[in-house]
Amino acid sequence: MTNNYIVSVPKLKGRENYTEWVLAVENFLVLEGTFDHVKVTKPDEAAVDAKTKAKLILTIDPSLYVHIKDSKTTKELWEKLKNMFDDSGFIRRISLLRTLISIRLENCTSMTSYVTQNIETSQKLSGSGFNINGEWVGSLLLAGLSEKYSPMIMAIEHSGIA
């Protein structure tokens, strides 16, 4: 089963793709039935834990091995990676918030790209511990549209939807 899914997991390179890597690895380990080893070390399942840790290591860029080579369990490895790359501090939130409010349709290659950037950035912001609801995301999406969308925005405002 491992070979079918592991190729879909991006290699962890560091802080720049940690969030995406976590999502992919969590789902990979759920499919493998071993995600619980990330949360708890089970001494009676040492062989399963060793295999789970090995699977995790195969999803990590070799340049990071120096930081994780002393990890004995899956949980220890997971916590070490989280401490190294999970950037959910105040500065990160401010940076993401600045990015989110500065996204403009005219700076994107397409409407799809514009919406994707907004949604991804708001999800990262939410993942960092900043509460942002759908109304805010929708408002920011409308605020970043060019002038040619003004009639649509006015129609939404007067429709009672917003």
N, C-alpha and C. Protein backbone atom coordinates (compact mmCIF):
# COMPACT_ATOMS: atom_id res chain seq x y z
N MET A 1 0.82 -1.20 0.00
CA MET A 1 0.00 0.00 0.00
C MET A 1 0.86 1.26 0.00
N THR A 2 1.97 1.26 0.69
CA THR A 2 2.83 2.43 0.83
C THR A 2 3.23 3.01 -0.52
N ASN A 3 3.65 2.17 -1.42
CA ASN A 3 4.16 2.66 -2.70
C ASN A 3 3.10 3.40 -3.51
N ASN A 4 1.85 3.10 -3.30
CA ASN A 4 0.79 3.75 -4.05
C ASN A 4 0.59 5.20 -3.64
N TYR A 5 0.79 5.53 -2.38
CA TYR A 5 0.47 6.86 -1.88
C TYR A 5 1.69 7.73 -1.61
N ILE A 6 2.79 7.14 -1.27
CA ILE A 6 3.96 7.93 -0.84
C ILE A 6 4.46 8.85 -1.95
N VAL A 7 4.26 8.47 -3.20
CA VAL A 7 4.71 9.32 -4.30
C VAL A 7 3.91 10.62 -4.38
N SER A 8 2.73 10.64 -3.78
CA SER A 8 1.88 11.85 -3.79
C SER A 8 2.28 12.84 -2.71
N VAL A 9 3.13 12.43 -1.79
CA VAL A 9 3.54 13.30 -0.69
C VAL A 9 4.76 14.11 -1.13
N PRO A 10 4.65 15.45 -1.08
CA PRO A 10 5.81 16.26 -1.46
C PRO A 10 6.93 16.12 -0.43
N LYS A 11 8.16 16.22 -0.89
CA LYS A 11 9.29 16.19 0.04
C LYS A 11 9.28 17.45 0.90
N LEU A 12 9.46 17.27 2.19
CA LEU A 12 9.56 18.42 3.09
C LEU A 12 10.90 19.09 2.84
N LYS A 13 10.83 20.39 2.51
CA LYS A 13 12.05 21.16 2.25
C LYS A 13 12.38 22.10 3.40
N GLY A 14 11.38 22.40 4.19
CA GLY A 14 11.57 23.34 5.29
C GLY A 14 10.30 24.11 5.55
N ARG A 15 10.45 25.29 6.09
CA ARG A 15 9.31 26.13 6.44
C ARG A 15 8.43 26.46 5.24
N GLU A 16 9.06 26.58 4.05
CA GLU A 16 8.31 27.02 2.87
C GLU A 16 7.22 26.06 2.42
N ASN A 17 7.34 24.76 2.72
CA ASN A 17 6.27 23.85 2.32
C ASN A 17 5.80 22.95 3.47
N TYR A 18 6.11 23.34 4.69
CA TYR A 18 5.74 22.53 5.86
C TYR A 18 4.23 22.30 5.95
N THR A 19 3.44 23.35 5.76
CA THR A 19 1.99 23.23 5.90
C THR A 19 1.42 22.23 4.90
N GLU A 20 1.85 22.30 3.65
CA GLU A 20 1.37 21.39 2.62
C GLU A 20 1.85 19.97 2.91
N TRP A 21 3.09 19.86 3.36
CA TRP A 21 3.66 18.55 3.68
C TRP A 21 2.87 17.88 4.81
N VAL A 22 2.56 18.65 5.85
CA VAL A 22 1.81 18.09 6.99
C VAL A 22 0.47 17.54 6.53
N LEU A 23 -0.25 18.29 5.72
CA LEU A 23 -1.54 17.83 5.23
C LEU A 23 -1.40 16.52 4.45
N ALA A 24 -0.43 16.46 3.56
CA ALA A 24 -0.23 15.25 2.75
C ALA A 24 0.20 14.07 3.61
N VAL A 25 1.13 14.30 4.53
CA VAL A 25 1.64 13.20 5.37
C VAL A 25 0.56 12.70 6.33
N GLU A 26 -0.20 13.60 6.91
CA GLU A 26 -1.28 13.17 7.80
C GLU A 26 -2.23 12.23 7.07
N ASN A 27 -2.61 12.62 5.87
CA ASN A 27 -3.53 11.78 5.10
C ASN A 27 -2.89 10.48 4.65
N PHE A 28 -1.63 10.53 4.29
CA PHE A 28 -0.90 9.32 3.94
C PHE A 28 -0.88 8.34 5.11
N LEU A 29 -0.56 8.84 6.30
CA LEU A 29 -0.50 7.97 7.48
C LEU A 29 -1.88 7.47 7.89
N VAL A 30 -2.92 8.26 7.67
CA VAL A 30 -4.28 7.79 7.92
C VAL A 30 -4.59 6.62 7.01
N LEU A 31 -4.25 6.75 5.73
CA LEU A 31 -4.47 5.65 4.79
C LEU A 31 -3.69 4.40 5.18
N GLU A 32 -2.52 4.61 5.76
CA GLU A 32 -1.68 3.49 6.20
C GLU A 32 -2.16 2.91 7.53
N GLY A 33 -3.02 3.66 8.22
CA GLY A 33 -3.52 3.20 9.53
C GLY A 33 -2.53 3.41 10.66
N THR A 34 -1.58 4.35 10.48
CA THR A 34 -0.54 4.55 11.49
C THR A 34 -0.44 5.99 11.99
N PHE A 35 -1.43 6.82 11.71
CA PHE A 35 -1.35 8.22 12.12
C PHE A 35 -1.28 8.38 13.64
N ASP A 36 -1.84 7.45 14.38
CA ASP A 36 -1.81 7.54 15.85
C ASP A 36 -0.39 7.52 16.41
N HIS A 37 0.58 7.01 15.66
CA HIS A 37 1.97 6.98 16.13
C HIS A 37 2.60 8.37 16.18
N VAL A 38 2.00 9.32 15.48
CA VAL A 38 2.46 10.70 15.52
C VAL A 38 2.13 11.32 16.88
N LYS A 39 1.03 10.88 17.47
CA LYS A 39 0.54 11.45 18.72
C LYS A 39 1.05 10.74 19.96
N VAL A 40 1.21 9.43 19.87
CA VAL A 40 1.55 8.62 21.05
C VAL A 40 2.59 7.57 20.67
N THR A 41 3.58 7.40 21.54
CA THR A 41 4.55 6.33 21.35
C THR A 41 3.99 5.08 22.01
N LYS A 42 3.90 4.01 21.23
CA LYS A 42 3.34 2.76 21.73
C LYS A 42 4.46 1.72 21.82
N PRO A 43 4.99 1.51 23.03
CA PRO A 43 6.10 0.57 23.18
C PRO A 43 5.79 -0.85 22.68
N ASP A 44 4.53 -1.25 22.79
CA ASP A 44 4.16 -2.60 22.35
C ASP A 44 4.04 -2.70 20.82
N GLU A 45 4.15 -1.57 20.12
CA GLU A 45 4.09 -1.56 18.66
C GLU A 45 5.36 -0.93 18.08
N ALA A 46 6.50 -1.30 18.63
CA ALA A 46 7.78 -0.71 18.22
C ALA A 46 8.08 -0.95 16.74
N ALA A 47 7.74 -2.12 16.22
CA ALA A 47 8.02 -2.42 14.81
C ALA A 47 7.17 -1.54 13.88
N VAL A 48 5.91 -1.36 14.23
CA VAL A 48 5.02 -0.50 13.43
C VAL A 48 5.50 0.94 13.51
N ASP A 49 5.92 1.37 14.70
CA ASP A 49 6.41 2.73 14.87
C ASP A 49 7.67 2.95 14.03
N ALA A 50 8.55 1.97 14.01
CA ALA A 50 9.79 2.09 13.22
C ALA A 50 9.46 2.22 11.72
N LYS A 51 8.49 1.45 11.25
CA LYS A 51 8.08 1.53 9.84
C LYS A 51 7.44 2.89 9.54
N THR A 52 6.64 3.37 10.47
CA THR A 52 5.99 4.67 10.29
C THR A 52 7.03 5.78 10.24
N LYS A 53 8.00 5.70 11.14
CA LYS A 53 9.08 6.69 11.15
C LYS A 53 9.87 6.63 9.83
N ALA A 54 10.13 5.44 9.34
CA ALA A 54 10.85 5.29 8.07
C ALA A 54 10.06 5.90 6.91
N LYS A 55 8.76 5.69 6.91
CA LYS A 55 7.91 6.27 5.86
C LYS A 55 7.98 7.80 5.91
N LEU A 56 7.93 8.34 7.12
CA LEU A 56 8.04 9.79 7.28
C LEU A 56 9.37 10.30 6.74
N ILE A 57 10.43 9.64 7.10
CA ILE A 57 11.77 10.06 6.68
C ILE A 57 11.89 10.05 5.15
N LEU A 58 11.23 9.11 4.50
CA LEU A 58 11.27 9.06 3.04
C LEU A 58 10.55 10.24 2.38
N THR A 59 9.78 10.99 3.16
CA THR A 59 9.08 12.16 2.62
C THR A 59 9.81 13.46 2.96
N ILE A 60 11.02 13.34 3.48
CA ILE A 60 11.79 14.51 3.91
C ILE A 60 13.01 14.66 3.00
N ASP A 61 13.29 15.88 2.61
CA ASP A 61 14.46 16.15 1.78
C ASP A 61 15.73 15.74 2.53
N PRO A 62 16.66 15.07 1.86
CA PRO A 62 17.89 14.60 2.52
C PRO A 62 18.70 15.71 3.20
N SER A 63 18.57 16.93 2.75
CA SER A 63 19.31 18.03 3.38
C SER A 63 18.87 18.27 4.82
N LEU A 64 17.71 17.73 5.21
CA LEU A 64 17.20 17.92 6.57
C LEU A 64 17.54 16.75 7.49
N TYR A 65 18.11 15.70 6.95
CA TYR A 65 18.42 14.52 7.76
C TYR A 65 19.29 14.84 8.97
N VAL A 66 20.19 15.77 8.81
CA VAL A 66 21.09 16.12 9.91
C VAL A 66 20.31 16.56 11.16
N HIS A 67 19.15 17.15 10.95
CA HIS A 67 18.34 17.65 12.07
C HIS A 67 17.50 16.57 12.73
N ILE A 68 17.26 15.47 12.03
CA ILE A 68 16.32 14.47 12.54
C ILE A 68 16.94 13.11 12.82
N LYS A 69 18.22 12.96 12.54
CA LYS A 69 18.83 11.63 12.61
C LYS A 69 18.79 11.01 14.00
N ASP A 70 18.67 11.82 15.05
CA ASP A 70 18.65 11.28 16.41
C ASP A 70 17.25 10.94 16.91
N SER A 71 16.24 11.17 16.12
CA SER A 71 14.86 10.87 16.53
C SER A 71 14.66 9.37 16.65
N LYS A 72 14.16 8.94 17.79
CA LYS A 72 13.99 7.50 18.05
C LYS A 72 12.61 6.99 17.68
N THR A 73 11.58 7.84 17.80
CA THR A 73 10.21 7.40 17.54
C THR A 73 9.54 8.33 16.53
N THR A 74 8.42 7.88 16.02
CA THR A 74 7.65 8.71 15.09
C THR A 74 7.21 9.99 15.77
N LYS A 75 6.72 9.88 17.00
CA LYS A 75 6.26 11.06 17.74
C LYS A 75 7.39 12.06 17.93
N GLU A 76 8.55 11.56 18.31
CA GLU A 76 9.72 12.43 18.51
C GLU A 76 10.11 13.13 17.21
N LEU A 77 10.10 12.39 16.11
CA LEU A 77 10.41 12.96 14.80
C LEU A 77 9.39 14.04 14.42
N TRP A 78 8.12 13.73 14.61
CA TRP A 78 7.04 14.66 14.27
C TRP A 78 7.16 15.96 15.07
N GLU A 79 7.40 15.82 16.37
CA GLU A 79 7.53 17.00 17.24
C GLU A 79 8.76 17.84 16.86
N LYS A 80 9.84 17.17 16.53
CA LYS A 80 11.06 17.89 16.13
C LYS A 80 10.81 18.71 14.87
N LEU A 81 10.16 18.10 13.88
CA LEU A 81 9.85 18.80 12.64
C LEU A 81 8.88 19.96 12.89
N LYS A 82 7.91 19.72 13.75
CA LYS A 82 6.95 20.77 14.08
C LYS A 82 7.65 21.95 14.74
N ASN A 83 8.51 21.67 15.69
CA ASN A 83 9.24 22.75 16.37
C ASN A 83 10.16 23.52 15.42
N MET A 84 10.70 22.82 14.44
CA MET A 84 11.61 23.47 13.49
C MET A 84 10.88 24.30 12.44
N PHE A 85 9.74 23.82 11.95
CA PHE A 85 9.15 24.42 10.76
C PHE A 85 7.74 24.99 10.90
N ASP A 86 7.02 24.64 11.95
CA ASP A 86 5.67 25.17 12.10
C ASP A 86 5.75 26.62 12.53
N ASP A 87 5.46 27.49 11.61
CA ASP A 87 5.60 28.92 11.85
C ASP A 87 4.24 29.53 12.12
N SER A 88 3.82 29.51 13.37
CA SER A 88 2.51 30.05 13.71
C SER A 88 2.61 31.21 14.68
N GLY A 89 3.75 31.87 14.70
CA GLY A 89 3.96 32.98 15.61
C GLY A 89 3.33 34.27 15.12
N PHE A 90 3.43 35.28 15.95
CA PHE A 90 2.83 36.59 15.69
C PHE A 90 3.34 37.21 14.39
N ILE A 91 4.64 37.15 14.17
CA ILE A 91 5.23 37.75 12.97
C ILE A 91 4.69 37.05 11.72
N ARG A 92 4.56 35.74 11.77
CA ARG A 92 4.03 34.98 10.64
C ARG A 92 2.59 35.41 10.35
N ARG A 93 1.79 35.58 11.40
CA ARG A 93 0.40 35.99 11.21
C ARG A 93 0.32 37.37 10.56
N ILE A 94 1.15 38.28 11.01
CA ILE A 94 1.16 39.63 10.44
C ILE A 94 1.56 39.57 8.97
N SER A 95 2.57 38.77 8.66
CA SER A 95 3.03 38.62 7.28
C SER A 95 1.91 38.07 6.39
N LEU A 96 1.23 37.04 6.87
CA LEU A 96 0.14 36.45 6.09
C LEU A 96 -1.02 37.43 5.94
N LEU A 97 -1.32 38.18 6.99
CA LEU A 97 -2.40 39.17 6.92
C LEU A 97 -2.06 40.25 5.90
N ARG A 98 -0.83 40.71 5.91
CA ARG A 98 -0.39 41.71 4.91
C ARG A 98 -0.53 41.15 3.50
N THR A 99 -0.11 39.91 3.33
CA THR A 99 -0.22 39.28 2.01
C THR A 99 -1.68 39.20 1.59
N LEU A 100 -2.53 38.77 2.50
CA LEU A 100 -3.95 38.59 2.18
C LEU A 100 -4.61 39.90 1.77
N ILE A 101 -4.35 40.96 2.51
CA ILE A 101 -5.02 42.22 2.18
C ILE A 101 -4.43 42.91 0.96
N SER A 102 -3.27 42.46 0.51
CA SER A 102 -2.65 43.10 -0.67
C SER A 102 -2.87 42.32 -1.97
N ILE A 103 -3.55 41.19 -1.91
CA ILE A 103 -3.80 40.41 -3.13
C ILE A 103 -4.81 41.17 -4.00
N ARG A 104 -4.44 41.39 -5.25
CA ARG A 104 -5.30 42.10 -6.20
C ARG A 104 -5.43 41.27 -7.48
N LEU A 105 -6.60 41.32 -8.05
CA LEU A 105 -6.86 40.57 -9.28
C LEU A 105 -5.90 40.97 -10.39
N GLU A 106 -5.61 42.26 -10.51
CA GLU A 106 -4.73 42.71 -11.60
C GLU A 106 -3.30 42.19 -11.48
N ASN A 107 -2.93 41.70 -10.31
CA ASN A 107 -1.59 41.14 -10.11
C ASN A 107 -1.56 39.63 -10.33
N CYS A 108 -2.70 39.04 -10.65
CA CYS A 108 -2.80 37.59 -10.84
C CYS A 108 -2.98 37.27 -12.32
N THR A 109 -2.63 36.07 -12.69
CA THR A 109 -2.72 35.67 -14.10
C THR A 109 -4.15 35.35 -14.53
N SER A 110 -5.02 35.02 -13.57
CA SER A 110 -6.41 34.69 -13.90
C SER A 110 -7.27 34.83 -12.65
N MET A 111 -8.57 34.77 -12.86
CA MET A 111 -9.50 34.82 -11.73
C MET A 111 -9.29 33.60 -10.84
N THR A 112 -9.03 32.46 -11.45
CA THR A 112 -8.78 31.24 -10.68
C THR A 112 -7.56 31.41 -9.78
N SER A 113 -6.50 31.96 -10.33
CA SER A 113 -5.29 32.22 -9.56
C SER A 113 -5.56 33.19 -8.41
N TYR A 114 -6.34 34.22 -8.69
CA TYR A 114 -6.69 35.22 -7.68
C TYR A 114 -7.45 34.59 -6.51
N VAL A 115 -8.48 33.82 -6.84
CA VAL A 115 -9.29 33.17 -5.80
C VAL A 115 -8.44 32.17 -5.03
N THR A 116 -7.63 31.39 -5.74
CA THR A 116 -6.77 30.40 -5.09
C THR A 116 -5.80 31.06 -4.12
N GLN A 117 -5.16 32.16 -4.53
CA GLN A 117 -4.23 32.87 -3.64
C GLN A 117 -4.95 33.35 -2.38
N ASN A 118 -6.15 33.91 -2.55
CA ASN A 118 -6.92 34.39 -1.41
C ASN A 118 -7.27 33.25 -0.45
N ILE A 119 -7.79 32.17 -0.99
CA ILE A 119 -8.21 31.05 -0.16
C ILE A 119 -7.01 30.41 0.53
N GLU A 120 -5.93 30.14 -0.21
CA GLU A 120 -4.75 29.52 0.39
C GLU A 120 -4.15 30.39 1.49
N THR A 121 -4.06 31.69 1.25
CA THR A 121 -3.48 32.58 2.25
C THR A 121 -4.38 32.66 3.48
N SER A 122 -5.69 32.70 3.27
CA SER A 122 -6.60 32.74 4.43
C SER A 122 -6.55 31.43 5.21
N GLN A 123 -6.37 30.31 4.52
CA GLN A 123 -6.23 29.02 5.21
C GLN A 123 -4.93 28.96 6.01
N LYS A 124 -3.86 29.49 5.45
CA LYS A 124 -2.59 29.54 6.19
C LYS A 124 -2.73 30.43 7.41
N LEU A 125 -3.40 31.55 7.25
CA LEU A 125 -3.63 32.47 8.35
C LEU A 125 -4.46 31.80 9.44
N SER A 126 -5.48 31.11 9.04
CA SER A 126 -6.32 30.38 9.98
C SER A 126 -5.51 29.28 10.68
N GLY A 127 -4.67 28.60 9.92
CA GLY A 127 -3.82 27.55 10.48
C GLY A 127 -2.79 28.06 11.46
N SER A 128 -2.47 29.35 11.37
CA SER A 128 -1.50 29.94 12.29
C SER A 128 -2.13 30.38 13.60
N GLY A 129 -3.45 30.18 13.72
CA GLY A 129 -4.13 30.54 14.95
C GLY A 129 -4.92 31.84 14.87
N PHE A 130 -4.92 32.48 13.72
CA PHE A 130 -5.67 33.73 13.52
C PHE A 130 -7.06 33.37 13.03
N ASN A 131 -8.08 33.80 13.77
CA ASN A 131 -9.45 33.48 13.38
C ASN A 131 -9.93 34.40 12.26
N ILE A 132 -10.21 33.82 11.12
CA ILE A 132 -10.73 34.59 9.99
C ILE A 132 -11.92 33.82 9.43
N ASN A 133 -13.07 34.49 9.39
CA ASN A 133 -14.27 33.77 8.94
C ASN A 133 -14.53 33.99 7.45
N GLY A 134 -15.50 33.29 6.94
CA GLY A 134 -15.83 33.34 5.52
C GLY A 134 -16.26 34.71 5.05
N GLU A 135 -16.92 35.46 5.92
CA GLU A 135 -17.35 36.81 5.54
C GLU A 135 -16.15 37.70 5.25
N TRP A 136 -15.11 37.58 6.08
CA TRP A 136 -13.88 38.36 5.86
C TRP A 136 -13.22 37.95 4.55
N VAL A 137 -13.14 36.66 4.32
CA VAL A 137 -12.51 36.18 3.09
C VAL A 137 -13.28 36.68 1.87
N GLY A 138 -14.60 36.59 1.94
CA GLY A 138 -15.44 37.09 0.85
C GLY A 138 -15.27 38.58 0.63
N SER A 139 -15.21 39.32 1.72
CA SER A 139 -15.02 40.78 1.62
C SER A 139 -13.68 41.12 1.00
N LEU A 140 -12.64 40.40 1.40
CA LEU A 140 -11.31 40.65 0.83
C LEU A 140 -11.25 40.26 -0.65
N LEU A 141 -11.97 39.20 -1.00
CA LEU A 141 -12.05 38.82 -2.42
C LEU A 141 -12.68 39.94 -3.24
N LEU A 142 -13.77 40.49 -2.74
CA LEU A 142 -14.44 41.58 -3.46
C LEU A 142 -13.59 42.84 -3.47
N ALA A 143 -12.91 43.13 -2.36
CA ALA A 143 -12.09 44.34 -2.27
C ALA A 143 -10.91 44.31 -3.23
N GLY A 144 -10.43 43.14 -3.58
CA GLY A 144 -9.27 43.04 -4.46
C GLY A 144 -9.60 43.02 -5.94
N LEU A 145 -10.89 43.10 -6.25
CA LEU A 145 -11.29 43.10 -7.66
C LEU A 145 -11.04 44.46 -8.29
N SER A 146 -10.87 44.47 -9.60
CA SER A 146 -10.63 45.73 -10.32
C SER A 146 -11.95 46.49 -10.48
N GLU A 147 -11.84 47.74 -10.97
CA GLU A 147 -12.99 48.63 -11.13
C GLU A 147 -14.07 48.05 -12.04
N LYS A 148 -13.69 47.24 -13.01
CA LYS A 148 -14.69 46.72 -13.94
C LYS A 148 -15.72 45.81 -13.24
N TYR A 149 -15.41 45.37 -12.01
CA TYR A 149 -16.33 44.54 -11.25
C TYR A 149 -17.21 45.36 -10.30
N SER A 150 -17.11 46.68 -10.34
CA SER A 150 -17.90 47.54 -9.45
C SER A 150 -19.40 47.30 -9.55
N PRO A 151 -19.96 47.16 -10.76
CA PRO A 151 -21.41 46.88 -10.83
C PRO A 151 -21.80 45.59 -10.10
N MET A 152 -20.98 44.57 -10.23
CA MET A 152 -21.27 43.31 -9.55
C MET A 152 -21.21 43.50 -8.04
N ILE A 153 -20.19 44.21 -7.56
CA ILE A 153 -20.03 44.45 -6.13
C ILE A 153 -21.23 45.25 -5.60
N MET A 154 -21.65 46.27 -6.35
CA MET A 154 -22.82 47.07 -5.94
C MET A 154 -24.07 46.21 -5.90
N ALA A 155 -24.23 45.33 -6.86
CA ALA A 155 -25.40 44.44 -6.89
C ALA A 155 -25.41 43.53 -5.68
N ILE A 156 -24.25 43.02 -5.30
CA ILE A 156 -24.15 42.17 -4.12
C ILE A 156 -24.49 42.96 -2.86
N GLU A 157 -23.96 44.19 -2.76
CA GLU A 157 -24.24 45.03 -1.60
C GLU A 157 -25.73 45.30 -1.44
N HIS A 158 -26.42 45.55 -2.54
CA HIS A 158 -27.84 45.91 -2.48
C HIS A 158 -28.78 44.71 -2.50
N SER A 159 -28.23 43.53 -2.65
CA SER A 159 -29.07 42.34 -2.71
C SER A 159 -29.46 41.82 -1.34
N GLY A 160 -28.77 42.28 -0.33
CA GLY A 160 -29.04 41.77 1.02
C GLY A 160 -28.24 40.52 1.34
N ILE A 161 -27.43 40.05 0.40
CA ILE A 161 -26.59 38.87 0.63
C ILE A 161 -25.45 39.22 1.57
N ALA A 162 -24.86 40.38 1.34
CA ALA A 162 -23.69 40.78 2.12
C ALA A 162 -24.08 41.63 3.30
